[in-house]
Protein backbone atom coordinates (compact mmCIF):
# COMPACT_ATOMS: atom_id res chain seq x y z
CA MET A 1 3.86 12.56 18.99
CA LYS A 2 3.39 12.04 15.15
CA SER A 3 -0.13 12.48 13.93
CA ASN A 4 -1.55 9.79 11.65
CA TYR A 5 -1.40 12.41 8.64
CA GLN A 6 2.24 12.92 9.32
CA GLU A 7 3.11 9.36 9.54
CA ALA A 8 1.12 8.60 6.21
CA TRP A 9 2.66 11.61 4.51
CA GLU A 10 6.43 10.35 5.50
CA ALA A 11 5.54 6.84 4.38
CA MET A 12 4.15 7.82 0.92
CA ASN A 13 7.06 10.48 0.73
CA LYS A 14 9.63 7.62 1.03
CA LEU A 15 7.82 5.78 -1.69
CA GLN A 16 8.34 8.91 -3.96
CA GLU A 17 11.93 9.06 -3.12
CA HIS A 18 12.47 5.65 -3.88
CA SER A 19 10.54 5.74 -7.14
CA SER A 20 13.26 8.42 -8.19
CA LYS A 21 16.03 5.67 -7.66
CA LEU A 22 14.10 3.27 -10.05
CA ASN A 23 13.61 5.94 -12.64
CA THR A 24 17.33 6.27 -12.63
CA ILE A 25 17.84 2.79 -13.57
CA LYS A 26 15.23 3.19 -16.29
CA ASP A 27 17.55 6.07 -17.50
CA LEU A 28 20.47 4.01 -17.28
CA ILE A 29 18.99 1.13 -19.46
CA GLU A 30 17.75 3.51 -22.00
CA THR A 31 21.21 5.31 -22.46
CA ALA A 32 22.78 1.92 -22.74
CA VAL A 33 20.41 0.81 -25.58
CA LYS A 34 20.61 4.18 -27.33
CA TYR A 35 23.90 5.68 -27.02
CA THR A 36 26.78 3.32 -26.27
CA ASP A 37 28.60 0.44 -28.05
CA ASP A 38 28.37 -3.18 -27.17
CA GLU A 39 30.95 -3.09 -24.60
CA ASN A 40 29.57 -0.22 -22.57
CA VAL A 41 26.08 -1.67 -23.03
CA ILE A 42 27.36 -4.76 -21.16
CA SER A 43 28.85 -2.78 -18.35
CA LEU A 44 25.89 -0.50 -18.02
CA LEU A 45 23.47 -3.43 -18.03
CA GLU A 46 25.35 -5.42 -15.26
CA ALA A 47 25.58 -2.37 -13.20
CA THR A 48 21.74 -1.79 -13.64
CA GLU A 49 21.11 -5.43 -13.00
CA ASN A 50 22.71 -5.41 -9.60
CA MET A 51 20.98 -1.99 -8.56
CA ILE A 52 17.54 -2.89 -9.75
CA SER A 53 17.58 -6.11 -7.30
CA ILE A 54 18.31 -3.93 -4.43
CA TYR A 55 16.01 -1.07 -5.13
CA VAL A 56 13.09 -3.45 -5.88
CA ASP A 57 13.45 -5.28 -2.64
CA GLU A 58 13.57 -1.75 -0.83
CA PHE A 59 10.80 -0.65 -2.64
CA ASP A 60 8.30 -3.62 -1.91
CA ASP A 61 9.35 -3.04 1.94
CA LEU A 62 8.44 0.78 1.81
CA PHE A 63 5.26 -0.12 0.00
CA ARG A 64 4.22 -2.53 2.65
CA ALA A 65 5.02 -0.06 5.49
CA ALA A 66 3.21 2.76 3.69
CA TRP A 67 0.19 0.35 3.26
CA ASP A 68 0.25 -0.60 6.90
CA LYS A 69 0.64 3.04 8.04
CA THR A 70 -2.28 4.54 5.83
CA ILE A 71 -4.73 1.96 4.76
CA LYS A 72 -4.87 -0.53 7.54
CA PRO A 73 -5.75 2.01 10.34
CA VAL A 74 -8.33 3.36 8.23
CA TYR A 75 -9.92 -0.09 7.67
CA THR A 76 -9.33 -1.07 11.41
CA ASP A 77 -11.15 2.29 12.70
CA ARG A 78 -13.99 2.02 10.25
CA VAL A 79 -14.69 -1.62 11.05
CA VAL A 80 -14.67 -0.89 14.63
CA ARG A 81 -16.89 2.10 14.46
CA PHE A 82 -19.18 0.09 12.12
CA ASN A 83 -19.43 -3.00 14.44
CA ASP A 84 -20.09 -0.52 17.28
CA ALA A 85 -22.92 1.00 15.33
CA ILE A 86 -24.44 -2.43 14.75
CA SER A 87 -24.06 -3.24 18.23
CA ASP A 88 -26.16 -0.07 19.24
CA ILE A 89 -28.68 -1.10 17.02
CA ASP A 90 -29.04 -4.71 18.00
CA THR A 91 -28.92 -3.04 21.76
CA ALA A 92 -31.70 -0.78 20.68
CA ASN A 93 -33.88 -3.94 19.33
CA ASP A 94 -33.40 -5.78 22.63
CA GLY A 95 -30.37 -7.92 21.22
CA VAL A 96 -32.14 -9.03 18.38
CA LEU A 97 -29.99 -8.12 15.22
CA LEU A 98 -32.67 -7.45 12.44
CA LYS A 99 -32.00 -9.58 9.20
CA GLN A 100 -31.70 -6.58 7.22
CA ASP A 101 -28.95 -5.04 9.60
CA ARG A 102 -27.14 -8.33 9.46
CA GLU A 103 -27.15 -8.48 5.81
CA ILE A 104 -25.74 -4.64 5.24
CA LYS A 105 -23.10 -5.65 7.86
CA ASN A 106 -22.06 -8.77 5.86
CA LYS A 107 -22.05 -6.81 2.63
CA ILE A 108 -20.00 -4.22 4.08
CA ASN A 109 -17.43 -6.44 5.42
CA LYS A 110 -17.31 -8.46 2.41
CA SER A 111 -16.67 -5.33 0.35
CA TRP A 112 -13.78 -4.29 2.82
CA VAL A 113 -12.32 -7.89 2.48
CA GLN A 114 -12.40 -7.53 -1.29
CA PHE A 115 -10.58 -4.00 -1.30
CA LEU A 116 -7.99 -5.05 1.23
CA GLY A 117 -7.34 -8.45 -0.27
CA ASP A 118 -7.55 -10.23 3.17
């Protein structure tokens, strides 16, 4: 069974590998602009245009997968642990969630939502 760290590393490594593909396209464009005549520029730019669409779509998918494997589990785990801690405080206070505890919980949940964009 893979560890969370290994899954996160593999996902992020795939992003890095894909970034190399995008940089290849960037190099093609620079070469076309600097060193070729008009006919070659057109050919290189047509090839580049076709490649970039595929690579950008692939990058977007890899990025979402990396986010899901690295960020979302940390968020979920922290929210569960935080909610458990608040429940423990509430239980210790005979089921009455203190006003300041509720305010703290709301502020932390709001900051997580802002961070994740949910």
